[in-house]
Amino acid sequence: MGDRATLMVYDHGGYSYTEGMLTGLYNKLHHRGANQPKPTYVAMGSMDRWYVRYDSGVSQWNNVPNSLTDAINENPTVPVCLAFGRVHNSYCVLWSDGTWSWCNVPAKLENVLGYKGRDKSAPKFVSLGPNGEYFVRLENGKMWWGNFDDESIYDNDMSDRITSIHFGADGTYIARYT
């Protein structure tokens, strides 16, 4: 889910999307020939930020901060989860080797990501939103979320079964449950 659009990438390499798709990302995906590599992972954010990885292992990205470009180029592994936050240089990335890095994320999320206590469970999923929202789920199942107003998610009998929350513009979000 990006700022104003949702993109679904399917296991077979196809995809579908809603209105409001980022133009540059649309052009990268839509104008690929039938024999070109298929997308396997896409992350979208506000401010025309996006990242796409193809089944060939090649990645492309747009309008990301220099620190993220450097991290992608210098890390021998690939992002398995990438989230863009409220400001241009706000992001969090989970790497395929189990490590993670972040820049300019909400303070409460930074506390979770930086915690090195008894429970050293690694993040399994993280998302950031255009208004400072965040969600993180650890490998041990613990999760934290914040900076969004919908209290119904807290009152839901299934709140302990949330696997991910993706944030969009104007307070919209999609919560996935098991």
C-alpha atoms as a PDB file:
ATOM      1  CA  MET A   1       0.000   0.000   0.000  1.00  0.00           C
ATOM      2  CA  GLY A   2       1.417   3.360  -0.964  1.00  0.00           C
ATOM      3  CA  ASP A   3       0.308   6.873  -0.227  1.00  0.00           C
ATOM      4  CA  ARG A   4      -2.791   6.783  -2.445  1.00  0.00           C
ATOM      5  CA  ALA A   5      -2.745   3.394  -4.183  1.00  0.00           C
ATOM      6  CA  THR A   6      -2.587  -0.301  -3.454  1.00  0.00           C
ATOM      7  CA  LEU A   7      -0.436  -2.687  -5.490  1.00  0.00           C
ATOM      8  CA  MET A   8      -0.730  -6.459  -5.250  1.00  0.00           C
ATOM      9  CA  VAL A   9       2.175  -8.553  -6.566  1.00  0.00           C
ATOM     10  CA  TYR A  10       1.234 -12.197  -7.113  1.00  0.00           C
ATOM     11  CA  ASP A  11       3.464 -15.247  -6.682  1.00  0.00           C
ATOM     12  CA  HIS A  12       3.427 -15.939 -10.433  1.00  0.00           C
ATOM     13  CA  GLY A  13       4.840 -12.460 -11.147  1.00  0.00           C
ATOM     14  CA  GLY A  14       1.617 -10.753 -12.170  1.00  0.00           C
ATOM     15  CA  TYR A  15       0.244  -7.727 -10.388  1.00  0.00           C
ATOM     16  CA  SER A  16      -2.807  -5.526 -10.063  1.00  0.00           C
ATOM     17  CA  TYR A  17      -3.255  -2.054  -8.629  1.00  0.00           C
ATOM     18  CA  THR A  18      -5.755   0.611  -7.730  1.00  0.00           C
ATOM     19  CA  GLU A  19      -6.067   4.153  -9.010  1.00  0.00           C
ATOM     20  CA  GLY A  20      -3.340   6.534  -7.878  1.00  0.00           C
ATOM     21  CA  MET A  21      -0.349   4.323  -8.688  1.00  0.00           C
ATOM     22  CA  LEU A  22       2.957   6.215  -8.702  1.00  0.00           C
ATOM     23  CA  THR A  23       3.690   7.113 -12.332  1.00  0.00           C
ATOM     24  CA  GLY A  24       7.350   6.066 -12.332  1.00  0.00           C
ATOM     25  CA  LEU A  25       6.591   2.715 -10.722  1.00  0.00           C
ATOM     26  CA  TYR A  26       3.643   2.144 -13.053  1.00  0.00           C
ATOM     27  CA  ASN A  27       5.921   2.770 -16.046  1.00  0.00           C
ATOM     28  CA  LYS A  28       8.589   0.366 -14.721  1.00  0.00           C
ATOM     29  CA  LEU A  29       6.063  -2.427 -14.212  1.00  0.00           C
ATOM     30  CA  HIS A  30       3.590  -1.858 -17.024  1.00  0.00           C
ATOM     31  CA  HIS A  31       6.082  -1.378 -19.862  1.00  0.00           C
ATOM     32  CA  ARG A  32       8.087  -4.549 -19.218  1.00  0.00           C
ATOM     33  CA  GLY A  33       8.220  -7.074 -22.029  1.00  0.00           C
ATOM     34  CA  ALA A  34       6.877 -10.605 -21.576  1.00  0.00           C
ATOM     35  CA  ASN A  35      10.441 -11.996 -21.426  1.00  0.00           C
ATOM     36  CA  GLN A  36      11.704  -9.484 -18.876  1.00  0.00           C
ATOM     37  CA  PRO A  37      12.047 -10.414 -15.189  1.00  0.00           C
ATOM     38  CA  LYS A  38       8.847 -10.278 -13.137  1.00  0.00           C
ATOM     39  CA  PRO A  39       8.481  -8.232  -9.926  1.00  0.00           C
ATOM     40  CA  THR A  40       8.749 -10.281  -6.732  1.00  0.00           C
ATOM     41  CA  TYR A  41       8.676  -7.507  -4.123  1.00  0.00           C
ATOM     42  CA  VAL A  42       7.521  -3.883  -4.212  1.00  0.00           C
ATOM     43  CA  ALA A  43       7.517  -1.199  -1.506  1.00  0.00           C
ATOM     44  CA  MET A  44       5.751   2.120  -2.046  1.00  0.00           C
ATOM     45  CA  GLY A  45       5.651   5.289  -0.001  1.00  0.00           C
ATOM     46  CA  SER A  46       4.649   8.900  -0.195  1.00  0.00           C
ATOM     47  CA  MET A  47       6.755  11.488  -2.051  1.00  0.00           C
ATOM     48  CA  ASP A  48       7.130   9.192  -5.097  1.00  0.00           C
ATOM     49  CA  ARG A  49       9.388   6.783  -3.157  1.00  0.00           C
ATOM     50  CA  TRP A  50       9.393   3.176  -4.296  1.00  0.00           C
ATOM     51  CA  TYR A  51      11.560   0.055  -4.458  1.00  0.00           C
ATOM     52  CA  VAL A  52      11.042  -2.997  -6.692  1.00  0.00           C
ATOM     53  CA  ARG A  53      12.961  -6.287  -6.860  1.00  0.00           C
ATOM     54  CA  TYR A  54      12.625  -8.623  -9.836  1.00  0.00           C
ATOM     55  CA  ASP A  55      12.980 -12.408 -10.001  1.00  0.00           C
ATOM     56  CA  SER A  56      16.357 -11.871 -11.698  1.00  0.00           C
ATOM     57  CA  GLY A  57      17.683 -10.369  -8.444  1.00  0.00           C
ATOM     58  CA  VAL A  58      17.946  -6.877  -9.927  1.00  0.00           C
ATOM     59  CA  SER A  59      16.392  -4.040  -7.939  1.00  0.00           C
ATOM     60  CA  GLN A  60      15.362  -0.509  -8.871  1.00  0.00           C
ATOM     61  CA  TRP A  61      14.246   2.364  -6.676  1.00  0.00           C
ATOM     62  CA  ASN A  62      13.206   5.980  -6.910  1.00  0.00           C
ATOM     63  CA  ASN A  63      13.481   9.103  -4.766  1.00  0.00           C
ATOM     64  CA  VAL A  64      14.845   7.305  -1.707  1.00  0.00           C
ATOM     65  CA  PRO A  65      17.302   9.057   0.629  1.00  0.00           C
ATOM     66  CA  ASN A  66      21.006   8.680  -0.113  1.00  0.00           C
ATOM     67  CA  SER A  67      21.517   6.720   3.114  1.00  0.00           C
ATOM     68  CA  LEU A  68      19.076   4.047   1.891  1.00  0.00           C
ATOM     69  CA  THR A  69      20.674   3.933  -1.570  1.00  0.00           C
ATOM     70  CA  ASP A  70      24.058   3.446   0.117  1.00  0.00           C
ATOM     71  CA  ALA A  71      22.656   0.704   2.373  1.00  0.00           C
ATOM     72  CA  ILE A  72      21.107  -1.163  -0.586  1.00  0.00           C
ATOM     73  CA  ASN A  73      24.307  -0.895  -2.618  1.00  0.00           C
ATOM     74  CA  GLU A  74      26.617  -1.890   0.270  1.00  0.00           C
ATOM     75  CA  ASN A  75      24.570  -4.699   1.817  1.00  0.00           C
ATOM     76  CA  PRO A  76      25.298  -8.132   0.309  1.00  0.00           C
ATOM     77  CA  THR A  77      21.709  -9.228   1.056  1.00  0.00           C
ATOM     78  CA  VAL A  78      18.410  -7.833  -0.213  1.00  0.00           C
ATOM     79  CA  PRO A  79      15.501  -6.098   1.507  1.00  0.00           C
ATOM     80  CA  VAL A  80      12.703  -8.521   2.386  1.00  0.00           C
ATOM     81  CA  CYS A  81      10.613  -5.759   3.956  1.00  0.00           C
ATOM     82  CA  LEU A  82      11.018  -2.040   3.320  1.00  0.00           C
ATOM     83  CA  ALA A  83       8.851   0.739   4.720  1.00  0.00           C
ATOM     84  CA  PHE A  84       8.880   4.439   3.955  1.00  0.00           C
ATOM     85  CA  GLY A  85       7.821   6.909   6.640  1.00  0.00           C
ATOM     86  CA  ARG A  86       6.428  10.400   7.114  1.00  0.00           C
ATOM     87  CA  VAL A  87       9.430  12.405   5.886  1.00  0.00           C
ATOM     88  CA  HIS A  88      11.756  11.758   2.958  1.00  0.00           C
ATOM     89  CA  ASN A  89      14.594  10.277   5.031  1.00  0.00           C
ATOM     90  CA  SER A  90      12.346   8.051   7.157  1.00  0.00           C
ATOM     91  CA  TYR A  91      12.560   4.322   6.417  1.00  0.00           C
ATOM     92  CA  CYS A  92      13.035   0.893   7.937  1.00  0.00           C
ATOM     93  CA  VAL A  93      14.439  -2.098   6.089  1.00  0.00           C
ATOM     94  CA  LEU A  94      14.606  -5.774   7.069  1.00  0.00           C
ATOM     95  CA  TRP A  95      17.377  -7.615   5.228  1.00  0.00           C
ATOM     96  CA  SER A  96      17.329 -11.230   4.037  1.00  0.00           C
ATOM     97  CA  ASP A  97      20.158 -12.134   6.464  1.00  0.00           C
ATOM     98  CA  GLY A  98      17.924 -11.281   9.444  1.00  0.00           C
ATOM     99  CA  THR A  99      19.448  -7.886  10.203  1.00  0.00           C
ATOM    100  CA  TRP A 100      17.587  -4.590  10.057  1.00  0.00           C
ATOM    101  CA  SER A 101      18.340  -0.895   9.767  1.00  0.00           C
ATOM    102  CA  TRP A 102      16.322   2.284  10.053  1.00  0.00           C
ATOM    103  CA  CYS A 103      16.489   6.039   9.837  1.00  0.00           C
ATOM    104  CA  ASN A 104      14.262   8.707  11.342  1.00  0.00           C
ATOM    105  CA  VAL A 105      11.443   6.444  12.564  1.00  0.00           C
ATOM    106  CA  PRO A 106       9.037   7.279  15.446  1.00  0.00           C
ATOM    107  CA  ALA A 107      10.772   7.137  18.846  1.00  0.00           C
ATOM    108  CA  LYS A 108       8.643   4.265  20.200  1.00  0.00           C
ATOM    109  CA  LEU A 109       9.417   2.153  17.137  1.00  0.00           C
ATOM    110  CA  GLU A 110      13.106   3.004  17.450  1.00  0.00           C
ATOM    111  CA  ASN A 111      12.993   1.717  21.051  1.00  0.00           C
ATOM    112  CA  VAL A 112      11.565  -1.614  19.846  1.00  0.00           C
ATOM    113  CA  LEU A 113      14.058  -1.925  16.972  1.00  0.00           C
ATOM    114  CA  GLY A 114      17.001  -1.005  19.184  1.00  0.00           C
ATOM    115  CA  TYR A 115      16.103  -3.236  22.140  1.00  0.00           C
ATOM    116  CA  LYS A 116      18.819  -5.788  22.863  1.00  0.00           C
ATOM    117  CA  GLY A 117      17.499  -7.332  26.105  1.00  0.00           C
ATOM    118  CA  ARG A 118      16.705 -10.933  27.031  1.00  0.00           C
ATOM    119  CA  ASP A 119      14.217 -11.329  24.211  1.00  0.00           C
ATOM    120  CA  LYS A 120      16.357 -10.773  21.115  1.00  0.00           C
ATOM    121  CA  SER A 121      13.591 -11.618  18.680  1.00  0.00           C
ATOM    122  CA  ALA A 122      14.156 -10.005  15.292  1.00  0.00           C
ATOM    123  CA  PRO A 123      11.522  -7.976  13.430  1.00  0.00           C
ATOM    124  CA  LYS A 124       9.600 -10.090  10.914  1.00  0.00           C
ATOM    125  CA  PHE A 125       7.462  -7.289   9.471  1.00  0.00           C
ATOM    126  CA  VAL A 126       7.487  -3.513   9.760  1.00  0.00           C
ATOM    127  CA  SER A 127       5.426  -0.746   8.178  1.00  0.00           C
ATOM    128  CA  LEU A 128       5.484   3.032   8.368  1.00  0.00           C
ATOM    129  CA  GLY A 129       2.818   5.464   7.275  1.00  0.00           C
ATOM    130  CA  PRO A 130       2.746   8.931   5.739  1.00  0.00           C
ATOM    131  CA  ASN A 131       1.523  10.484   9.006  1.00  0.00           C
ATOM    132  CA  GLY A 132       4.000   8.864  11.407  1.00  0.00           C
ATOM    133  CA  GLU A 133       2.069   5.613  11.868  1.00  0.00           C
ATOM    134  CA  TYR A 134       4.006   2.429  12.522  1.00  0.00           C
ATOM    135  CA  PHE A 135       3.545  -1.310  13.048  1.00  0.00           C
ATOM    136  CA  VAL A 136       6.163  -3.937  13.870  1.00  0.00           C
ATOM    137  CA  ARG A 137       5.784  -7.680  14.445  1.00  0.00           C
ATOM    138  CA  LEU A 138       8.667  -9.710  15.845  1.00  0.00           C
ATOM    139  CA  GLU A 139       9.515 -13.328  15.053  1.00  0.00           C
ATOM    140  CA  ASN A 140       8.228 -14.330  18.514  1.00  0.00           C
ATOM    141  CA  GLY A 141       4.780 -12.893  17.658  1.00  0.00           C
ATOM    142  CA  LYS A 142       4.985  -9.765  19.819  1.00  0.00           C
ATOM    143  CA  MET A 143       3.835  -6.611  18.053  1.00  0.00           C
ATOM    144  CA  TRP A 144       3.591  -2.874  18.559  1.00  0.00           C
ATOM    145  CA  TRP A 145       1.750  -0.174  16.633  1.00  0.00           C
ATOM    146  CA  GLY A 146       1.076   3.496  17.115  1.00  0.00           C
ATOM    147  CA  ASN A 147       0.390   7.004  15.883  1.00  0.00           C
ATOM    148  CA  PHE A 148      -2.969   6.289  14.291  1.00  0.00           C
ATOM    149  CA  ASP A 149      -6.407   7.074  15.646  1.00  0.00           C
ATOM    150  CA  ASP A 150      -8.571   4.059  14.923  1.00  0.00           C
ATOM    151  CA  GLU A 151      -9.219   2.622  18.387  1.00  0.00           C
ATOM    152  CA  SER A 152     -11.332  -0.201  16.934  1.00  0.00           C
ATOM    153  CA  ILE A 153      -8.185  -2.180  16.157  1.00  0.00           C
ATOM    154  CA  TYR A 154      -7.418  -2.317  19.901  1.00  0.00           C
ATOM    155  CA  ASP A 155     -10.931  -3.484  20.769  1.00  0.00           C
ATOM    156  CA  ASN A 156     -11.019  -6.179  18.103  1.00  0.00           C
ATOM    157  CA  ASP A 157     -11.045  -9.766  19.441  1.00  0.00           C
ATOM    158  CA  MET A 158      -8.524 -10.589  16.719  1.00  0.00           C
ATOM    159  CA  SER A 159      -5.952  -7.905  17.628  1.00  0.00           C
ATOM    160  CA  ASP A 160      -3.532 -10.590  18.869  1.00  0.00           C
ATOM    161  CA  ARG A 161      -3.731 -12.279  15.437  1.00  0.00           C
ATOM    162  CA  ILE A 162      -2.624  -9.286  13.340  1.00  0.00           C
ATOM    163  CA  THR A 163       0.194 -10.192  10.950  1.00  0.00           C
ATOM    164  CA  SER A 164       0.568  -6.805   9.265  1.00  0.00           C
ATOM    165  CA  ILE A 165      -0.871  -3.323   8.993  1.00  0.00           C
ATOM    166  CA  HIS A 166      -0.219  -1.244   5.870  1.00  0.00           C
ATOM    167  CA  PHE A 167      -0.858   2.506   6.056  1.00  0.00           C
ATOM    168  CA  GLY A 168      -2.081   4.855   3.328  1.00  0.00           C
ATOM    169  CA  ALA A 169      -3.071   8.502   3.000  1.00  0.00           C
ATOM    170  CA  ASP A 170      -5.772  10.226   5.051  1.00  0.00           C
ATOM    171  CA  GLY A 171      -5.713   7.703   7.905  1.00  0.00           C
ATOM    172  CA  THR A 172      -6.470   4.667   5.735  1.00  0.00           C
ATOM    173  CA  TYR A 173      -4.971   1.294   6.528  1.00  0.00           C
ATOM    174  CA  ILE A 174      -5.296  -2.406   5.766  1.00  0.00           C
ATOM    175  CA  ALA A 175      -4.868  -4.882   8.640  1.00  0.00           C
ATOM    176  CA  ARG A 176      -4.160  -8.525   7.859  1.00  0.00           C
ATOM    177  CA  TYR A 177      -5.090 -11.218  10.365  1.00  0.00           C
ATOM    178  CA  THR A 178      -4.338 -14.945  10.591  1.00  0.00           C
END
